[in-house]
């Protein structure tokens, strides 16, 4: 059970980062404009850096992911389902990072 709690948030955040990385390819369409892919690249690098922080310091990274998940719910206010899905996965990963850190200290 401890291994499941240890590896699940790491896998989820890596998959979420790859999901955001897929949107970088959107900028390489027929009418390619470098301005189109920069915002997606910044979001992907931001998610990758938070994932790295969470792997090294689960308490800090988990807290950031919980706050980021709440932000995603409000950011995707146009589609509540997408906001709850992305925000829920992000928040759940953050909570699992915090639980993993707590279990390692006890």
N, C-alpha and C. Protein backbone atom coordinates (compact mmCIF):
# COMPACT_ATOMS: atom_id res chain seq x y z
N UNK A 1 0.82 -1.20 0.00
CA UNK A 1 0.00 0.00 0.00
C UNK A 1 0.86 1.26 0.00
N UNK A 2 1.99 1.21 0.73
CA UNK A 2 2.86 2.38 0.77
C UNK A 2 3.48 2.67 -0.59
N UNK A 3 3.80 1.60 -1.34
CA UNK A 3 4.36 1.82 -2.68
C UNK A 3 3.32 2.41 -3.62
N UNK A 4 2.07 2.00 -3.46
CA UNK A 4 1.00 2.55 -4.29
C UNK A 4 0.84 4.04 -4.04
N UNK A 5 0.86 4.43 -2.77
CA UNK A 5 0.74 5.85 -2.43
C UNK A 5 1.99 6.62 -2.84
N UNK A 6 3.11 5.94 -2.88
CA UNK A 6 4.36 6.59 -3.27
C UNK A 6 4.42 6.84 -4.78
N UNK A 7 4.03 5.85 -5.58
CA UNK A 7 4.20 5.96 -7.03
C UNK A 7 3.01 6.56 -7.76
N UNK A 8 1.82 6.47 -7.23
CA UNK A 8 0.63 6.99 -7.92
C UNK A 8 0.72 8.49 -8.21
N UNK A 9 1.06 9.35 -7.25
CA UNK A 9 1.11 10.78 -7.60
C UNK A 9 2.22 11.10 -8.58
N UNK A 10 3.31 10.35 -8.53
CA UNK A 10 4.41 10.60 -9.46
C UNK A 10 4.00 10.24 -10.89
N UNK A 11 3.30 9.13 -11.04
CA UNK A 11 2.83 8.73 -12.36
C UNK A 11 1.77 9.70 -12.87
N UNK A 12 0.83 10.09 -12.00
CA UNK A 12 -0.22 11.02 -12.41
C UNK A 12 0.33 12.37 -12.86
N UNK A 13 1.30 12.90 -12.10
CA UNK A 13 1.84 14.21 -12.47
C UNK A 13 2.69 14.12 -13.73
N UNK A 14 3.39 13.00 -13.92
CA UNK A 14 4.15 12.83 -15.17
C UNK A 14 3.20 12.75 -16.36
N UNK A 15 2.10 12.02 -16.22
CA UNK A 15 1.12 11.92 -17.30
C UNK A 15 0.43 13.26 -17.55
N UNK A 16 0.16 14.00 -16.50
CA UNK A 16 -0.46 15.32 -16.66
C UNK A 16 0.49 16.28 -17.37
N UNK A 17 1.77 16.21 -17.05
CA UNK A 17 2.76 17.04 -17.74
C UNK A 17 2.84 16.66 -19.21
N UNK A 18 2.82 15.37 -19.51
CA UNK A 18 2.81 14.94 -20.91
C UNK A 18 1.54 15.38 -21.63
N UNK A 19 0.42 15.38 -20.92
CA UNK A 19 -0.84 15.86 -21.51
C UNK A 19 -0.71 17.32 -21.92
N UNK A 20 -0.15 18.15 -21.04
CA UNK A 20 0.04 19.55 -21.40
C UNK A 20 1.09 19.70 -22.49
N UNK A 21 2.06 18.80 -22.55
CA UNK A 21 3.09 18.86 -23.59
C UNK A 21 2.50 18.57 -24.97
N UNK A 22 1.43 17.79 -25.03
CA UNK A 22 0.80 17.52 -26.32
C UNK A 22 0.27 18.79 -26.98
N UNK A 23 -0.10 19.76 -26.19
CA UNK A 23 -0.63 21.00 -26.75
C UNK A 23 0.45 21.85 -27.41
N UNK A 24 1.72 21.55 -27.16
CA UNK A 24 2.80 22.26 -27.85
C UNK A 24 2.73 21.95 -29.34
N UNK A 25 2.37 20.73 -29.67
CA UNK A 25 2.28 20.33 -31.08
C UNK A 25 1.19 21.10 -31.82
N UNK A 26 0.26 21.66 -31.09
CA UNK A 26 -0.81 22.44 -31.70
C UNK A 26 -0.25 23.65 -32.43
N UNK A 27 0.85 24.18 -31.95
CA UNK A 27 1.45 25.36 -32.58
C UNK A 27 2.10 25.08 -33.91
N UNK A 28 2.37 23.80 -34.20
CA UNK A 28 3.03 23.45 -35.45
C UNK A 28 2.03 23.06 -36.54
N UNK A 29 0.97 23.82 -36.65
CA UNK A 29 -0.03 23.55 -37.68
C UNK A 29 0.36 24.27 -38.98
N UNK A 30 -0.53 24.30 -39.95
CA UNK A 30 -0.23 24.88 -41.27
C UNK A 30 0.20 26.34 -41.17
N UNK A 31 -0.55 27.12 -40.45
CA UNK A 31 -0.21 28.52 -40.30
C UNK A 31 0.68 28.73 -39.08
N UNK A 32 1.86 28.10 -39.07
CA UNK A 32 2.72 28.10 -37.88
C UNK A 32 3.16 29.51 -37.54
N UNK A 33 2.95 29.85 -36.28
CA UNK A 33 3.39 31.11 -35.73
C UNK A 33 4.03 30.78 -34.38
N UNK A 34 5.30 31.15 -34.15
CA UNK A 34 5.95 30.79 -32.90
C UNK A 34 5.22 31.28 -31.65
N UNK A 35 4.43 32.31 -31.81
CA UNK A 35 3.68 32.84 -30.67
C UNK A 35 2.63 31.83 -30.20
N UNK A 36 2.18 30.98 -31.10
CA UNK A 36 1.12 30.02 -30.77
C UNK A 36 1.56 28.93 -29.81
N UNK A 37 2.85 28.54 -29.86
CA UNK A 37 3.25 27.42 -29.02
C UNK A 37 3.96 27.86 -27.73
N UNK A 38 4.34 29.11 -27.60
CA UNK A 38 5.03 29.57 -26.39
C UNK A 38 4.19 29.45 -25.12
N UNK A 39 2.91 29.83 -25.11
CA UNK A 39 2.13 29.66 -23.87
C UNK A 39 2.04 28.21 -23.43
N UNK A 40 1.87 27.30 -24.39
CA UNK A 40 1.80 25.88 -24.04
C UNK A 40 3.14 25.36 -23.53
N UNK A 41 4.23 25.85 -24.10
CA UNK A 41 5.55 25.45 -23.64
C UNK A 41 5.80 25.94 -22.21
N UNK A 42 5.37 27.15 -21.91
CA UNK A 42 5.54 27.70 -20.57
C UNK A 42 4.75 26.89 -19.55
N UNK A 43 3.50 26.53 -19.87
CA UNK A 43 2.68 25.73 -18.97
C UNK A 43 3.32 24.36 -18.74
N UNK A 44 3.83 23.76 -19.81
CA UNK A 44 4.46 22.45 -19.69
C UNK A 44 5.72 22.51 -18.84
N UNK A 45 6.54 23.51 -19.05
CA UNK A 45 7.76 23.65 -18.23
C UNK A 45 7.41 23.95 -16.78
N UNK A 46 6.36 24.71 -16.56
CA UNK A 46 5.90 24.99 -15.20
C UNK A 46 5.46 23.71 -14.51
N UNK A 47 4.66 22.90 -15.21
CA UNK A 47 4.21 21.63 -14.63
C UNK A 47 5.38 20.68 -14.39
N UNK A 48 6.33 20.65 -15.32
CA UNK A 48 7.50 19.78 -15.14
C UNK A 48 8.34 20.23 -13.95
N UNK A 49 8.48 21.52 -13.75
CA UNK A 49 9.27 22.00 -12.62
C UNK A 49 8.57 21.72 -11.29
N UNK A 50 7.26 21.85 -11.25
CA UNK A 50 6.53 21.53 -10.02
C UNK A 50 6.59 20.03 -9.75
N UNK A 51 6.52 19.22 -10.81
CA UNK A 51 6.66 17.77 -10.64
C UNK A 51 8.03 17.43 -10.07
N UNK A 52 9.07 18.08 -10.57
CA UNK A 52 10.42 17.84 -10.05
C UNK A 52 10.51 18.24 -8.58
N UNK A 53 9.94 19.39 -8.24
CA UNK A 53 9.95 19.84 -6.84
C UNK A 53 9.21 18.85 -5.96
N UNK A 54 8.07 18.37 -6.44
CA UNK A 54 7.26 17.43 -5.65
C UNK A 54 7.99 16.10 -5.45
N UNK A 55 8.77 15.67 -6.42
CA UNK A 55 9.52 14.42 -6.27
C UNK A 55 10.62 14.58 -5.24
N UNK A 56 11.23 15.76 -5.19
CA UNK A 56 12.34 16.00 -4.25
C UNK A 56 11.83 16.40 -2.87
N UNK A 57 10.83 17.24 -2.82
CA UNK A 57 10.25 17.73 -1.57
C UNK A 57 8.73 17.57 -1.63
N UNK A 58 8.22 16.41 -1.25
CA UNK A 58 6.78 16.12 -1.42
C UNK A 58 5.86 17.07 -0.67
N UNK A 59 6.28 17.59 0.47
CA UNK A 59 5.40 18.49 1.22
C UNK A 59 5.19 19.79 0.46
N UNK A 60 6.26 20.35 -0.06
CA UNK A 60 6.16 21.61 -0.80
C UNK A 60 5.43 21.40 -2.12
N UNK A 61 5.86 20.37 -2.87
CA UNK A 61 5.24 20.09 -4.16
C UNK A 61 3.78 19.69 -4.04
N UNK A 62 3.45 18.90 -3.01
CA UNK A 62 2.06 18.51 -2.79
C UNK A 62 1.18 19.71 -2.50
N UNK A 63 1.69 20.63 -1.70
CA UNK A 63 0.92 21.85 -1.41
C UNK A 63 0.70 22.68 -2.67
N UNK A 64 1.74 22.77 -3.49
CA UNK A 64 1.61 23.53 -4.74
C UNK A 64 0.59 22.87 -5.66
N UNK A 65 0.62 21.55 -5.75
CA UNK A 65 -0.34 20.85 -6.61
C UNK A 65 -1.77 21.00 -6.12
N UNK A 66 -1.99 21.02 -4.82
CA UNK A 66 -3.35 21.22 -4.30
C UNK A 66 -3.86 22.61 -4.69
N UNK A 67 -3.03 23.62 -4.50
CA UNK A 67 -3.42 24.99 -4.86
C UNK A 67 -3.61 25.11 -6.37
N UNK A 68 -2.72 24.48 -7.14
CA UNK A 68 -2.83 24.51 -8.60
C UNK A 68 -4.10 23.80 -9.08
N UNK A 69 -4.48 22.72 -8.41
CA UNK A 69 -5.72 22.02 -8.76
C UNK A 69 -6.94 22.90 -8.53
N UNK A 70 -6.95 23.61 -7.43
CA UNK A 70 -8.06 24.54 -7.16
C UNK A 70 -8.08 25.65 -8.21
N UNK A 71 -6.89 26.13 -8.60
CA UNK A 71 -6.80 27.15 -9.64
C UNK A 71 -7.35 26.63 -10.96
N UNK A 72 -7.01 25.39 -11.32
CA UNK A 72 -7.49 24.82 -12.58
C UNK A 72 -9.01 24.71 -12.62
N UNK A 73 -9.63 24.40 -11.50
CA UNK A 73 -11.09 24.32 -11.47
C UNK A 73 -11.70 25.67 -11.85
N UNK A 74 -11.13 26.76 -11.34
CA UNK A 74 -11.67 28.08 -11.65
C UNK A 74 -11.19 28.60 -13.00
N UNK A 75 -10.00 28.15 -13.46
CA UNK A 75 -9.46 28.60 -14.74
C UNK A 75 -10.28 28.04 -15.90
N UNK A 76 -10.69 26.79 -15.79
CA UNK A 76 -11.50 26.16 -16.83
C UNK A 76 -12.98 26.31 -16.52
N UNK A 77 -13.40 27.51 -16.13
CA UNK A 77 -14.79 27.73 -15.74
C UNK A 77 -15.76 27.58 -16.91
N UNK A 78 -15.27 27.66 -18.14
CA UNK A 78 -16.14 27.50 -19.29
C UNK A 78 -16.68 26.08 -19.40
N UNK A 79 -15.85 25.13 -19.04
CA UNK A 79 -16.27 23.73 -19.06
C UNK A 79 -16.00 23.14 -17.68
N UNK A 80 -17.05 22.99 -16.91
CA UNK A 80 -16.90 22.53 -15.54
C UNK A 80 -16.33 21.12 -15.48
N UNK A 81 -16.71 20.26 -16.42
CA UNK A 81 -16.22 18.89 -16.43
C UNK A 81 -14.71 18.83 -16.64
N UNK A 82 -14.20 19.61 -17.58
CA UNK A 82 -12.76 19.63 -17.83
C UNK A 82 -12.03 20.23 -16.63
N UNK A 83 -12.58 21.29 -16.06
CA UNK A 83 -11.97 21.89 -14.89
C UNK A 83 -11.91 20.94 -13.71
N UNK A 84 -13.00 20.22 -13.48
CA UNK A 84 -13.01 19.26 -12.38
C UNK A 84 -12.08 18.08 -12.65
N UNK A 85 -11.99 17.67 -13.90
CA UNK A 85 -11.12 16.54 -14.23
C UNK A 85 -9.65 16.90 -14.05
N UNK A 86 -9.21 17.97 -14.68
CA UNK A 86 -7.80 18.36 -14.58
C UNK A 86 -7.49 18.86 -13.17
N UNK A 87 -8.36 19.68 -12.61
CA UNK A 87 -8.14 20.16 -11.25
C UNK A 87 -8.21 19.05 -10.22
N UNK A 88 -9.11 18.09 -10.43
CA UNK A 88 -9.23 16.97 -9.50
C UNK A 88 -8.01 16.07 -9.53
N UNK A 89 -7.49 15.78 -10.72
CA UNK A 89 -6.29 14.95 -10.82
C UNK A 89 -5.11 15.67 -10.18
N UNK A 90 -5.00 16.96 -10.43
CA UNK A 90 -3.89 17.73 -9.86
C UNK A 90 -4.00 17.79 -8.34
N UNK A 91 -5.18 18.08 -7.83
CA UNK A 91 -5.36 18.15 -6.37
C UNK A 91 -5.17 16.79 -5.72
N UNK A 92 -5.69 15.73 -6.35
CA UNK A 92 -5.51 14.39 -5.80
C UNK A 92 -4.04 14.01 -5.77
N UNK A 93 -3.29 14.38 -6.78
CA UNK A 93 -1.85 14.11 -6.79
C UNK A 93 -1.17 14.85 -5.65
N UNK A 94 -1.56 16.10 -5.43
CA UNK A 94 -0.99 16.87 -4.34
C UNK A 94 -1.29 16.26 -2.99
N UNK A 95 -2.52 15.82 -2.79
CA UNK A 95 -2.88 15.18 -1.52
C UNK A 95 -2.09 13.89 -1.34
N UNK A 96 -1.93 13.11 -2.41
CA UNK A 96 -1.16 11.87 -2.30
C UNK A 96 0.32 12.15 -2.01
N UNK A 97 0.87 13.23 -2.57
CA UNK A 97 2.24 13.61 -2.21
C UNK A 97 2.33 13.95 -0.72
N UNK A 98 1.34 14.67 -0.22
CA UNK A 98 1.35 15.03 1.20
C UNK A 98 1.19 13.80 2.09
N UNK A 99 0.32 12.87 1.70
CA UNK A 99 0.14 11.63 2.47
C UNK A 99 1.42 10.81 2.45
N UNK A 100 2.07 10.73 1.30
CA UNK A 100 3.32 9.98 1.19
C UNK A 100 4.40 10.59 2.08
N UNK A 101 4.48 11.92 2.09
CA UNK A 101 5.47 12.57 2.95
C UNK A 101 5.16 12.32 4.42
N UNK A 102 3.89 12.34 4.78
CA UNK A 102 3.50 12.09 6.17
C UNK A 102 3.84 10.65 6.58
N UNK A 103 3.57 9.70 5.68
CA UNK A 103 3.85 8.30 6.00
C UNK A 103 5.35 8.03 6.12
N UNK A 104 6.15 8.74 5.34
CA UNK A 104 7.59 8.53 5.44
C UNK A 104 8.16 9.10 6.74
N UNK A 105 7.51 10.14 7.27
CA UNK A 105 7.99 10.73 8.52
C UNK A 105 7.54 9.95 9.75
N UNK A 106 6.45 9.21 9.64
CA UNK A 106 5.93 8.46 10.79
C UNK A 106 6.58 7.13 10.90
